[in-house]
PDB file of N, CA and C in Angstrom:
ATOM      1  N   MET A   1       0.889  -1.206   0.162  1.00  0.00           N
ATOM      2  CA  MET A   1       0.003  -0.116  -0.158  1.00  0.00           C
ATOM      3  C   MET A   1       0.966   1.238  -0.225  1.00  0.00           C
ATOM      4  N   GLU A   2       1.465   0.878   0.792  1.00  0.00           N
ATOM      5  CA  GLU A   2       3.355   2.513   1.475  1.00  0.00           C
ATOM      6  C   GLU A   2       3.389   2.700  -0.288  1.00  0.00           C
ATOM      7  N   GLY A   3       3.267   1.744  -0.977  1.00  0.00           N
ATOM      8  CA  GLY A   3       4.354   1.558  -2.251  1.00  0.00           C
ATOM      9  C   GLY A   3       3.407   2.631  -3.844  1.00  0.00           C
ATOM     10  N   PHE A   4       1.945   2.008  -3.338  1.00  0.00           N
ATOM     11  CA  PHE A   4       1.193   3.028  -4.393  1.00  0.00           C
ATOM     12  C   PHE A   4       0.909   4.684  -3.661  1.00  0.00           C
ATOM     13  N   ASN A   5       1.378   4.930  -2.798  1.00  0.00           N
ATOM     14  CA  ASN A   5       1.310   6.273  -1.377  1.00  0.00           C
ATOM     15  C   ASN A   5       2.303   6.964  -2.803  1.00  0.00           C
ATOM     16  N   ILE A   6       3.276   6.675  -2.372  1.00  0.00           N
ATOM     17  CA  ILE A   6       4.331   7.030  -3.106  1.00  0.00           C
ATOM     18  C   ILE A   6       4.224   7.660  -3.688  1.00  0.00           C
ATOM     19  N   PRO A   7       4.042   6.911  -5.380  1.00  0.00           N
ATOM     20  CA  PRO A   7       3.867   7.995  -6.450  1.00  0.00           C
ATOM     21  C   PRO A   7       2.449   9.150  -6.826  1.00  0.00           C
ATOM     22  N   MET A   8       1.403   8.656  -5.726  1.00  0.00           N
ATOM     23  CA  MET A   8       0.782   9.096  -5.258  1.00  0.00           C
ATOM     24  C   MET A   8       0.429  10.519  -5.640  1.00  0.00           C
ATOM     25  N   ARG A   9       1.590  10.826  -3.719  1.00  0.00           N
ATOM     26  CA  ARG A   9       2.303  11.504  -3.429  1.00  0.00           C
ATOM     27  C   ARG A   9       2.988  12.649  -4.424  1.00  0.00           C
ATOM     28  N   TYR A  10       3.244  12.071  -5.163  1.00  0.00           N
ATOM     29  CA  TYR A  10       5.091  12.442  -5.599  1.00  0.00           C
ATOM     30  C   TYR A  10       3.738  13.270  -7.578  1.00  0.00           C
ATOM     31  N   LYS A  11       3.351  12.420  -7.759  1.00  0.00           N
ATOM     32  CA  LYS A  11       2.497  13.092  -8.956  1.00  0.00           C
ATOM     33  C   LYS A  11       1.779  14.532  -7.622  1.00  0.00           C
ATOM     34  N   SER A  12       1.917  14.650  -6.929  1.00  0.00           N
ATOM     35  CA  SER A  12       0.158  15.176  -6.652  1.00  0.00           C
ATOM     36  C   SER A  12       1.673  16.715  -5.915  1.00  0.00           C
ATOM     37  N   LEU A  13       2.921  16.383  -5.616  1.00  0.00           N
ATOM     38  CA  LEU A  13       4.025  17.312  -5.976  1.00  0.00           C
ATOM     39  C   LEU A  13       3.915  17.978  -6.894  1.00  0.00           C
ATOM     40  N   GLN A  14       4.464  17.208  -8.059  1.00  0.00           N
ATOM     41  CA  GLN A  14       4.556  17.854  -9.398  1.00  0.00           C
ATOM     42  C   GLN A  14       2.924  18.718  -9.736  1.00  0.00           C
ATOM     43  N   LYS A  15       2.259  18.082  -9.489  1.00  0.00           N
ATOM     44  CA  LYS A  15       1.212  19.382  -9.807  1.00  0.00           C
ATOM     45  C   LYS A  15       1.385  20.572  -9.263  1.00  0.00           C
ATOM     46  N   LEU A  16       1.426  20.451  -7.650  1.00  0.00           N
ATOM     47  CA  LEU A  16       1.626  21.320  -7.085  1.00  0.00           C
ATOM     48  C   LEU A  16       3.261  23.185  -7.799  1.00  0.00           C
ATOM     49  N   ASP A  17       4.091  21.289  -7.932  1.00  0.00           N
ATOM     50  CA  ASP A  17       4.833  22.126  -8.323  1.00  0.00           C
ATOM     51  C   ASP A  17       5.068  22.886  -9.952  1.00  0.00           C
ATOM     52  N   THR A  18       4.475  22.470 -10.304  1.00  0.00           N
ATOM     53  CA  THR A  18       4.083  22.822 -11.770  1.00  0.00           C
ATOM     54  C   THR A  18       3.311  23.867 -12.068  1.00  0.00           C
ATOM     55  N   LYS A  19       1.497  23.914 -10.959  1.00  0.00           N
ATOM     56  CA  LYS A  19       1.014  24.608 -10.693  1.00  0.00           C
ATOM     57  C   LYS A  19       2.158  26.426  -9.732  1.00  0.00           C
ATOM     58  N   SER A  20       2.466  26.381  -9.132  1.00  0.00           N
ATOM     59  CA  SER A  20       3.386  26.900  -8.741  1.00  0.00           C
ATOM     60  C   SER A  20       4.405  27.405  -9.477  1.00  0.00           C
ATOM     61  N   SER A  21       4.840  27.034 -10.291  1.00  0.00           N
ATOM     62  CA  SER A  21       6.034  27.738 -11.920  1.00  0.00           C
ATOM     63  C   SER A  21       4.434  27.661 -12.931  1.00  0.00           C
ATOM     64  N   SER A  22       3.267  28.156 -12.845  1.00  0.00           N
ATOM     65  CA  SER A  22       3.025  29.162 -13.592  1.00  0.00           C
ATOM     66  C   SER A  22       2.976  29.469 -13.411  1.00  0.00           C
ATOM     67  N   LEU A  23       1.998  29.714 -11.592  1.00  0.00           N
ATOM     68  CA  LEU A  23       1.383  30.948 -11.045  1.00  0.00           C
ATOM     69  C   LEU A  23       2.854  32.596 -11.022  1.00  0.00           C
ATOM     70  N   LYS A  24       4.023  31.217 -11.100  1.00  0.00           N
ATOM     71  CA  LYS A  24       5.122  32.374 -10.665  1.00  0.00           C
ATOM     72  C   LYS A  24       5.728  33.040 -12.592  1.00  0.00           C
ATOM     73  N   GLN A  25       5.455  32.425 -13.336  1.00  0.00           N
ATOM     74  CA  GLN A  25       5.669  32.930 -15.137  1.00  0.00           C
ATOM     75  C   GLN A  25       3.766  33.717 -14.879  1.00  0.00           C
ATOM     76  N   GLU A  26       3.158  33.883 -14.458  1.00  0.00           N
ATOM     77  CA  GLU A  26       1.969  34.065 -14.136  1.00  0.00           C
ATOM     78  C   GLU A  26       1.848  35.603 -13.531  1.00  0.00           C
ATOM     79  N   HIS A  27       2.368  35.712 -12.944  1.00  0.00           N
ATOM     80  CA  HIS A  27       3.078  37.032 -11.780  1.00  0.00           C
ATOM     81  C   HIS A  27       4.279  38.012 -12.617  1.00  0.00           C
ATOM     82  N   LEU A  28       5.027  37.397 -12.402  1.00  0.00           N
ATOM     83  CA  LEU A  28       6.461  37.515 -14.237  1.00  0.00           C
ATOM     84  C   LEU A  28       5.657  38.525 -14.584  1.00  0.00           C
ATOM     85  N   SER A  29       4.523  37.890 -15.305  1.00  0.00           N
ATOM     86  CA  SER A  29       4.136  38.851 -16.546  1.00  0.00           C
ATOM     87  C   SER A  29       3.483  39.467 -16.486  1.00  0.00           C
ATOM     88  N   SER A  30       2.861  39.185 -15.726  1.00  0.00           N
ATOM     89  CA  SER A  30       1.993  40.843 -14.917  1.00  0.00           C
ATOM     90  C   SER A  30       2.846  41.050 -14.442  1.00  0.00           C
ATOM     91  N   THR A  31       4.311  41.887 -13.897  1.00  0.00           N
ATOM     92  CA  THR A  31       4.613  41.949 -12.778  1.00  0.00           C
ATOM     93  C   THR A  31       5.527  42.935 -14.252  1.00  0.00           C
ATOM     94  N   GLN A  32       5.902  42.705 -15.541  1.00  0.00           N
ATOM     95  CA  GLN A  32       6.852  43.286 -16.482  1.00  0.00           C
ATOM     96  C   GLN A  32       5.327  43.495 -17.049  1.00  0.00           C
ATOM     97  N   ARG A  33       4.196  43.322 -17.501  1.00  0.00           N
ATOM     98  CA  ARG A  33       3.271  44.159 -18.023  1.00  0.00           C
ATOM     99  C   ARG A  33       3.362  45.583 -17.284  1.00  0.00           C
ATOM    100  N   LEU A  34       3.609  45.648 -15.782  1.00  0.00           N
ATOM    101  CA  LEU A  34       3.357  46.984 -15.786  1.00  0.00           C
ATOM    102  C   LEU A  34       3.954  47.808 -15.278  1.00  0.00           C
ATOM    103  N   GLU A  35       5.664  46.780 -15.155  1.00  0.00           N
ATOM    104  CA  GLU A  35       6.581  47.366 -14.682  1.00  0.00           C
ATOM    105  C   GLU A  35       6.300  48.529 -16.961  1.00  0.00           C
ATOM    106  N   SER A  36       6.672  47.851 -17.395  1.00  0.00           N
ATOM    107  CA  SER A  36       6.602  48.255 -19.229  1.00  0.00           C
ATOM    108  C   SER A  36       5.430  49.762 -19.319  1.00  0.00           C
ATOM    109  N   ASN A  37       3.713  48.995 -18.742  1.00  0.00           N
ATOM    110  CA  ASN A  37       2.571  50.009 -17.877  1.00  0.00           C
ATOM    111  C   ASN A  37       3.632  50.793 -17.952  1.00  0.00           C
ATOM    112  N   VAL A  38       4.156  51.827 -16.182  1.00  0.00           N
ATOM    113  CA  VAL A  38       4.355  52.495 -15.898  1.00  0.00           C
ATOM    114  C   VAL A  38       5.468  53.561 -16.434  1.00  0.00           C
ATOM    115  N   ALA A  39       6.575  52.553 -17.523  1.00  0.00           N
ATOM    116  CA  ALA A  39       7.655  53.511 -17.830  1.00  0.00           C
ATOM    117  C   ALA A  39       7.097  54.091 -19.342  1.00  0.00           C
ATOM    118  N   ALA A  40       5.621  52.813 -20.072  1.00  0.00           N
ATOM    119  CA  ALA A  40       5.680  54.056 -20.975  1.00  0.00           C
ATOM    120  C   ALA A  40       4.457  55.745 -20.410  1.00  0.00           C
ATOM    121  N   ALA A  41       4.211  54.720 -19.088  1.00  0.00           N
ATOM    122  CA  ALA A  41       3.429  56.388 -18.724  1.00  0.00           C
ATOM    123  C   ALA A  41       4.068  57.156 -18.866  1.00  0.00           C
ATOM    124  N   VAL A  42       5.273  57.168 -17.522  1.00  0.00           N
ATOM    125  CA  VAL A  42       6.327  57.742 -17.787  1.00  0.00           C
ATOM    126  C   VAL A  42       7.510  59.263 -18.531  1.00  0.00           C
ATOM    127  N   MET A  43       7.731  57.494 -20.117  1.00  0.00           N
ATOM    128  CA  MET A  43       7.762  58.361 -21.171  1.00  0.00           C
ATOM    129  C   MET A  43       7.001  59.035 -22.291  1.00  0.00           C
ATOM    130  N   ASP A  44       5.568  59.139 -21.179  1.00  0.00           N
ATOM    131  CA  ASP A  44       4.566  60.280 -21.990  1.00  0.00           C
ATOM    132  C   ASP A  44       4.734  61.765 -21.389  1.00  0.00           C
ATOM    133  N   VAL A  45       4.877  61.419 -19.957  1.00  0.00           N
ATOM    134  CA  VAL A  45       4.481  63.017 -19.110  1.00  0.00           C
ATOM    135  C   VAL A  45       5.887  63.321 -19.232  1.00  0.00           C
ATOM    136  N   TYR A  46       7.010  63.011 -18.958  1.00  0.00           N
ATOM    137  CA  TYR A  46       7.881  63.083 -20.159  1.00  0.00           C
ATOM    138  C   TYR A  46       8.035  63.642 -20.919  1.00  0.00           C
ATOM    139  N   CYS A  47       8.327  63.537 -21.967  1.00  0.00           N
ATOM    140  CA  CYS A  47       7.582  63.390 -23.394  1.00  0.00           C
ATOM    141  C   CYS A  47       7.331  65.185 -23.750  1.00  0.00           C
ATOM    142  N   SER A  48       5.875  65.215 -22.674  1.00  0.00           N
ATOM    143  CA  SER A  48       4.889  65.527 -22.905  1.00  0.00           C
ATOM    144  C   SER A  48       4.781  67.408 -21.650  1.00  0.00           C
ATOM    145  N   ASN A  49       5.988  66.899 -21.273  1.00  0.00           N
ATOM    146  CA  ASN A  49       6.454  68.345 -20.010  1.00  0.00           C
ATOM    147  C   ASN A  49       7.723  68.981 -21.615  1.00  0.00           C
ATOM    148  N   ASN A  50       8.012  67.648 -21.611  1.00  0.00           N
ATOM    149  CA  ASN A  50       9.330  68.346 -23.200  1.00  0.00           C
ATOM    150  C   ASN A  50       8.259  69.477 -24.039  1.00  0.00           C
ATOM    151  N   VAL A  51       7.989  69.374 -24.397  1.00  0.00           N
ATOM    152  CA  VAL A  51       6.028  69.271 -25.427  1.00  0.00           C
ATOM    153  C   VAL A  51       5.827  70.784 -25.629  1.00  0.00           C
ATOM    154  N   LEU A  52       5.481  70.527 -24.267  1.00  0.00           N
ATOM    155  CA  LEU A  52       4.941  71.965 -23.285  1.00  0.00           C
ATOM    156  C   LEU A  52       6.067  72.858 -23.083  1.00  0.00           C
ATOM    157  N   GLN A  53       7.120  73.093 -22.951  1.00  0.00           N
ATOM    158  CA  GLN A  53       9.146  73.251 -22.417  1.00  0.00           C
ATOM    159  C   GLN A  53       8.769  74.144 -23.638  1.00  0.00           C
ATOM    160  N   ALA A  54       8.821  73.078 -24.731  1.00  0.00           N
ATOM    161  CA  ALA A  54       8.917  73.821 -26.040  1.00  0.00           C
ATOM    162  C   ALA A  54       8.152  75.001 -27.104  1.00  0.00           C
ATOM    163  N   ARG A  55       6.528  74.676 -26.027  1.00  0.00           N
ATOM    164  CA  ARG A  55       6.067  75.416 -26.638  1.00  0.00           C
ATOM    165  C   ARG A  55       6.234  76.738 -25.941  1.00  0.00           C
ATOM    166  N   ARG A  56       6.565  76.851 -24.805  1.00  0.00           N
ATOM    167  CA  ARG A  56       6.499  78.531 -23.836  1.00  0.00           C
ATOM    168  C   ARG A  56       7.684  79.008 -24.289  1.00  0.00           C
ATOM    169  N   ALA A  57       8.460  77.928 -24.686  1.00  0.00           N
ATOM    170  CA  ALA A  57       9.932  79.026 -25.003  1.00  0.00           C
ATOM    171  C   ALA A  57       9.461  79.234 -26.635  1.00  0.00           C
ATOM    172  N   VAL A  58       9.015  79.227 -27.208  1.00  0.00           N
ATOM    173  CA  VAL A  58       8.550  79.450 -29.057  1.00  0.00           C
ATOM    174  C   VAL A  58       7.550  80.917 -28.509  1.00  0.00           C
ATOM    175  N   GLU A  59       6.684  80.241 -27.389  1.00  0.00           N
ATOM    176  CA  GLU A  59       6.281  81.842 -27.520  1.00  0.00           C
ATOM    177  C   GLU A  59       7.045  83.029 -27.070  1.00  0.00           C
ATOM    178  N   GLN A  60       7.592  82.664 -25.631  1.00  0.00           N
ATOM    179  CA  GLN A  60       8.489  83.690 -25.597  1.00  0.00           C
ATOM    180  C   GLN A  60       9.152  84.112 -26.624  1.00  0.00           C
ATOM    181  N   LEU A  61      10.118  83.418 -27.966  1.00  0.00           N
ATOM    182  CA  LEU A  61      10.408  83.874 -28.750  1.00  0.00           C
ATOM    183  C   LEU A  61       9.710  85.030 -29.944  1.00  0.00           C
ATOM    184  N   ARG A  62       8.818  83.973 -29.208  1.00  0.00           N
ATOM    185  CA  ARG A  62       7.851  84.996 -30.596  1.00  0.00           C
ATOM    186  C   ARG A  62       7.330  86.341 -30.202  1.00  0.00           C
ATOM    187  N   LEU A  63       7.672  86.827 -29.038  1.00  0.00           N
ATOM    188  CA  LEU A  63       7.252  88.374 -27.536  1.00  0.00           C
ATOM    189  C   LEU A  63       7.941  88.852 -27.974  1.00  0.00           C
ATOM    190  N   GLU A  64       9.658  88.331 -28.390  1.00  0.00           N
ATOM    191  CA  GLU A  64      11.287  88.858 -27.956  1.00  0.00           C
ATOM    192  C   GLU A  64      11.225  89.041 -29.257  1.00  0.00           C
ATOM    193  N   THR A  65      11.006  89.408 -30.486  1.00  0.00           N
ATOM    194  CA  THR A  65      11.244  89.255 -32.002  1.00  0.00           C
ATOM    195  C   THR A  65      10.717  90.403 -32.263  1.00  0.00           C
ATOM    196  N   GLU A  66       8.915  90.226 -31.630  1.00  0.00           N
ATOM    197  CA  GLU A  66       8.082  91.664 -31.643  1.00  0.00           C
ATOM    198  C   GLU A  66       8.802  93.271 -30.605  1.00  0.00           C
ATOM    199  N   LEU A  67       9.745  92.546 -30.706  1.00  0.00           N
ATOM    200  CA  LEU A  67       9.930  94.064 -29.341  1.00  0.00           C
ATOM    201  C   LEU A  67      10.931  94.878 -29.915  1.00  0.00           C
ATOM    202  N   GLN A  68      11.153  96.391 -29.769  1.00  0.00           N
ATOM    203  CA  GLN A  68      11.789  96.992 -31.209  1.00  0.00           C
ATOM    204  C   GLN A  68      13.569  97.407 -30.307  1.00  0.00           C
ATOM    205  N   ARG A  69      14.772  97.340 -31.071  1.00  0.00           N
ATOM    206  CA  ARG A  69      15.768  97.193 -30.484  1.00  0.00           C
ATOM    207  C   ARG A  69      16.631  98.215 -30.060  1.00  0.00           C
ATOM    208  N   ILE A  70      16.994  98.726 -29.747  1.00  0.00           N
ATOM    209  CA  ILE A  70      18.298 100.097 -29.568  1.00  0.00           C
ATOM    210  C   ILE A  70      19.277  99.830 -29.413  1.00  0.00           C
ATOM    211  N   LYS A  71      20.559 100.845 -29.860  1.00  0.00           N
ATOM    212  CA  LYS A  71      21.593 100.693 -29.955  1.00  0.00           C
ATOM    213  C   LYS A  71      22.051 100.435 -28.184  1.00  0.00           C
ATOM    214  N   ILE A  72      22.785 100.141 -27.300  1.00  0.00           N
ATOM    215  CA  ILE A  72      23.631 100.355 -26.194  1.00  0.00           C
ATOM    216  C   ILE A  72      23.618 101.408 -26.051  1.00  0.00           C
ATOM    217  N   SER A  73      24.681 102.453 -27.091  1.00  0.00           N
ATOM    218  CA  SER A  73      24.986 103.655 -27.165  1.00  0.00           C
ATOM    219  C   SER A  73      24.053 104.324 -26.363  1.00  0.00           C
ATOM    220  N   ALA A  74      23.028 103.644 -27.804  1.00  0.00           N
ATOM    221  CA  ALA A  74      21.444 104.761 -27.217  1.00  0.00           C
ATOM    222  C   ALA A  74      20.939 104.837 -26.070  1.00  0.00           C
ATOM    223  N   ALA A  75      21.035 103.561 -25.840  1.00  0.00           N
ATOM    224  CA  ALA A  75      20.542 103.344 -24.350  1.00  0.00           C
ATOM    225  C   ALA A  75      21.516 104.155 -22.902  1.00  0.00           C
ATOM    226  N   ALA A  76      21.952 103.540 -23.373  1.00  0.00           N
ATOM    227  CA  ALA A  76      23.567 104.586 -22.444  1.00  0.00           C
ATOM    228  C   ALA A  76      23.445 106.095 -22.076  1.00  0.00           C
ATOM    229  N   GLU A  77      22.480 106.325 -23.009  1.00  0.00           N
ATOM    230  CA  GLU A  77      22.574 108.129 -22.826  1.00  0.00           C
ATOM    231  C   GLU A  77      21.539 108.563 -22.594  1.00  0.00           C
ATOM    232  N   GLN A  78      20.548 107.479 -22.987  1.00  0.00           N
ATOM    233  CA  GLN A  78      19.239 108.138 -22.203  1.00  0.00           C
ATOM    234  C   GLN A  78      18.721 107.676 -20.815  1.00  0.00           C
ATOM    235  N   LEU A  79      19.817 106.906 -19.892  1.00  0.00           N
ATOM    236  CA  LEU A  79      20.179 106.404 -18.587  1.00  0.00           C
ATOM    237  C   LEU A  79      20.822 107.465 -18.095  1.00  0.00           C
ATOM    238  N   VAL A  80      21.864 108.180 -18.489  1.00  0.00           N
ATOM    239  CA  VAL A  80      22.544 109.096 -18.470  1.00  0.00           C
ATOM    240  C   VAL A  80      21.759 109.998 -17.946  1.00  0.00           C
ATOM    241  N   GLN A  81      20.766 110.642 -18.661  1.00  0.00           N
ATOM    242  CA  GLN A  81      19.809 112.357 -19.269  1.00  0.00           C
ATOM    243  C   GLN A  81      18.410 111.541 -18.330  1.00  0.00           C
ATOM    244  N   TYR A  82      18.111 110.484 -18.178  1.00  0.00           N
ATOM    245  CA  TYR A  82      17.207 110.355 -16.349  1.00  0.00           C
ATOM    246  C   TYR A  82      18.278 110.444 -15.478  1.00  0.00           C
ATOM    247  N   CYS A  83      19.269 109.822 -15.255  1.00  0.00           N
ATOM    248  CA  CYS A  83      19.400 110.001 -14.328  1.00  0.00           C
ATOM    249  C   CYS A  83      19.843 111.143 -13.292  1.00  0.00           C
ATOM    250  N   GLN A  84      20.393 112.250 -14.312  1.00  0.00           N
ATOM    251  CA  GLN A  84      20.745 113.147 -14.356  1.00  0.00           C
ATOM    252  C   GLN A  84      19.548 114.495 -14.627  1.00  0.00           C
ATOM    253  N   GLU A  85      18.002 114.146 -15.291  1.00  0.00           N
ATOM    254  CA  GLU A  85      17.246 115.017 -14.590  1.00  0.00           C
ATOM    255  C   GLU A  85      16.959 114.438 -13.731  1.00  0.00           C
ATOM    256  N   HIS A  86      17.276 113.352 -12.467  1.00  0.00           N
ATOM    257  CA  HIS A  86      15.935 112.967 -11.320  1.00  0.00           C
ATOM    258  C   HIS A  86      16.790 112.559 -10.694  1.00  0.00           C
ATOM    259  N   ARG A  87      17.968 113.968 -10.451  1.00  0.00           N
ATOM    260  CA  ARG A  87      19.303 112.643  -9.386  1.00  0.00           C
ATOM    261  C   ARG A  87      18.295 113.856  -8.337  1.00  0.00           C
ATOM    262  N   ARG A  88      18.101 115.423  -8.111  1.00  0.00           N
ATOM    263  CA  ARG A  88      17.013 115.958  -6.990  1.00  0.00           C
ATOM    264  C   ARG A  88      16.656 114.716  -6.106  1.00  0.00           C
ATOM    265  N   ALA A  89      15.415 114.210  -6.851  1.00  0.00           N
ATOM    266  CA  ALA A  89      14.295 113.586  -6.307  1.00  0.00           C
ATOM    267  C   ALA A  89      15.645 111.573  -5.803  1.00  0.00           C
ATOM    268  N   ASP A  90      15.844 111.626  -5.982  1.00  0.00           N
ATOM    269  CA  ASP A  90      16.425 110.290  -5.956  1.00  0.00           C
ATOM    270  C   ASP A  90      17.257 110.479  -4.778  1.00  0.00           C
ATOM    271  N   PRO A  91      16.583 109.439  -4.091  1.00  0.00           N
ATOM    272  CA  PRO A  91      17.705 109.173  -2.262  1.00  0.00           C
ATOM    273  C   PRO A  91      18.175 108.650  -1.637  1.00  0.00           C
ATOM    274  N   LEU A  92      18.828 107.789  -3.175  1.00  0.00           N
ATOM    275  CA  LEU A  92      20.056 107.318  -2.711  1.00  0.00           C
ATOM    276  C   LEU A  92      21.262 107.828  -2.628  1.00  0.00           C
ATOM    277  N   LEU A  93      20.658 109.809  -3.979  1.00  0.00           N
ATOM    278  CA  LEU A  93      21.941 111.068  -4.012  1.00  0.00           C
ATOM    279  C   LEU A  93      21.912 111.423  -2.432  1.00  0.00           C
ATOM    280  N   THR A  94      21.099 112.286  -2.406  1.00  0.00           N
ATOM    281  CA  THR A  94      20.745 113.136  -1.949  1.00  0.00           C
ATOM    282  C   THR A  94      20.799 112.657  -0.143  1.00  0.00           C
ATOM    283  N   GLY A  95      20.792 111.502   0.005  1.00  0.00           N
ATOM    284  CA  GLY A  95      19.454 110.877   2.056  1.00  0.00           C
ATOM    285  C   GLY A  95      16.951 111.025   1.752  1.00  0.00           C
ATOM    286  N   ILE A  96      17.689 110.435   3.187  1.00  0.00           N
ATOM    287  CA  ILE A  96      16.478 110.721   3.237  1.00  0.00           C
ATOM    288  C   ILE A  96      15.489 112.019   4.989  1.00  0.00           C
ATOM    289  N   ASN A  97      15.351 112.587   4.585  1.00  0.00           N
ATOM    290  CA  ASN A  97      15.518 114.007   5.793  1.00  0.00           C
ATOM    291  C   ASN A  97      14.315 113.156   6.577  1.00  0.00           C
ATOM    292  N   ALA A  98      14.405 113.055   8.281  1.00  0.00           N
ATOM    293  CA  ALA A  98      15.413 112.595   9.376  1.00  0.00           C
ATOM    294  C   ALA A  98      13.033 112.622   9.907  1.00  0.00           C
ATOM    295  N   SER A  99      12.351 113.763   9.389  1.00  0.00           N
ATOM    296  CA  SER A  99      11.196 113.649   9.740  1.00  0.00           C
ATOM    297  C   SER A  99      10.649 113.142   9.060  1.00  0.00           C
ATOM    298  N   SER A 100      10.740 112.873   7.845  1.00  0.00           N
ATOM    299  CA  SER A 100      10.003 111.799   6.587  1.00  0.00           C
ATOM    300  C   SER A 100      10.485 110.229   6.618  1.00  0.00           C
ATOM    301  N   ASN A 101      10.928 109.824   6.945  1.00  0.00           N
ATOM    302  CA  ASN A 101      11.592 108.974   6.905  1.00  0.00           C
ATOM    303  C   ASN A 101      11.328 107.216   7.445  1.00  0.00           C
ATOM    304  N   PRO A 102      10.722 107.572   6.631  1.00  0.00           N
ATOM    305  CA  PRO A 102       9.300 105.899   7.232  1.00  0.00           C
ATOM    306  C   PRO A 102      10.317 104.382   7.984  1.00  0.00           C
ATOM    307  N   PHE A 103      11.859 104.587   8.473  1.00  0.00           N
ATOM    308  CA  PHE A 103      12.849 103.649   8.324  1.00  0.00           C
ATOM    309  C   PHE A 103      13.061 103.836   9.551  1.00  0.00           C
ATOM    310  N   LYS A 104      13.097 105.270   9.494  1.00  0.00           N
ATOM    311  CA  LYS A 104      13.936 105.400  11.708  1.00  0.00           C
ATOM    312  C   LYS A 104      13.256 104.796  12.978  1.00  0.00           C
ATOM    313  N   ASP A 105      14.112 104.264  13.337  1.00  0.00           N
ATOM    314  CA  ASP A 105      13.535 103.030  14.703  1.00  0.00           C
ATOM    315  C   ASP A 105      12.510 105.146  15.892  1.00  0.00           C
ATOM    316  N   LYS A 106      11.327 104.521  16.273  1.00  0.00           N
ATOM    317  CA  LYS A 106      10.454 105.464  17.032  1.00  0.00           C
ATOM    318  C   LYS A 106      11.291 105.491  17.944  1.00  0.00           C
ATOM    319  N   LYS A 107      11.520 104.760  18.223  1.00  0.00           N
ATOM    320  CA  LYS A 107      11.951 104.153  19.787  1.00  0.00           C
ATOM    321  C   LYS A 107      13.645 104.464  19.502  1.00  0.00           C
ATOM    322  N   THR A 108      14.792 104.528  20.708  1.00  0.00           N
ATOM    323  CA  THR A 108      15.835 103.882  21.006  1.00  0.00           C
ATOM    324  C   THR A 108      15.842 103.394  22.394  1.00  0.00           C
ATOM    325  N   CYS A 109      16.671 101.877  21.946  1.00  0.00           N
ATOM    326  CA  CYS A 109      16.665 101.331  22.694  1.00  0.00           C
ATOM    327  C   CYS A 109      17.197 101.723  24.386  1.00  0.00           C
ATOM    328  N   VAL A 110      16.766 101.016  24.577  1.00  0.00           N
ATOM    329  CA  VAL A 110      17.592 101.208  26.230  1.00  0.00           C
ATOM    330  C   VAL A 110      18.151 100.012  26.561  1.00  0.00           C
ATOM    331  N   LEU A 111      18.254  99.335  26.356  1.00  0.00           N
ATOM    332  CA  LEU A 111      19.579  98.677  26.334  1.00  0.00           C
ATOM    333  C   LEU A 111      20.608  98.808  26.546  1.00  0.00           C
ATOM    334  N   LEU A 112      20.978  99.890  25.014  1.00  0.00           N
ATOM    335  CA  LEU A 112      21.670  99.797  24.629  1.00  0.00           C
ATOM    336  C   LEU A 112      22.948 100.287  25.128  1.00  0.00           C
TER     337      LEU A 112
END
C-alpha cells in the first residue's frame, strides 16, 4: 500500500510544483506588463512636459521678436539723461529727511 502512496504523493507534488511555477510565470508576466505600462506612462509625461516647455520657449521667442531694439550707446545716453534729470529726487544721492523717513526707529533701545 505504501508503494502506491509514494507515486500518488509524488504526482500531487508534481502538480503543485507545476501550478506554483505557472503562478510564478503569471506573476512575472503581470509584473513585467505593469513595469512596461509604468515606463510608458512616465515617458508620456516626460515627452508631454518637453513639448510644453518647447511651446513656451517658442511663444517667448515670438514675443521677443516683436520688441523694438535700440543700440546700447543710445540706451546708455538715455539712462544718463534720466539719472541727471531725476537726481534731486533720488534718495540714494540726497539722503532721506529724518522727519519723513519711514524706516527711522521710533524709539531707541534702552538696553543699548
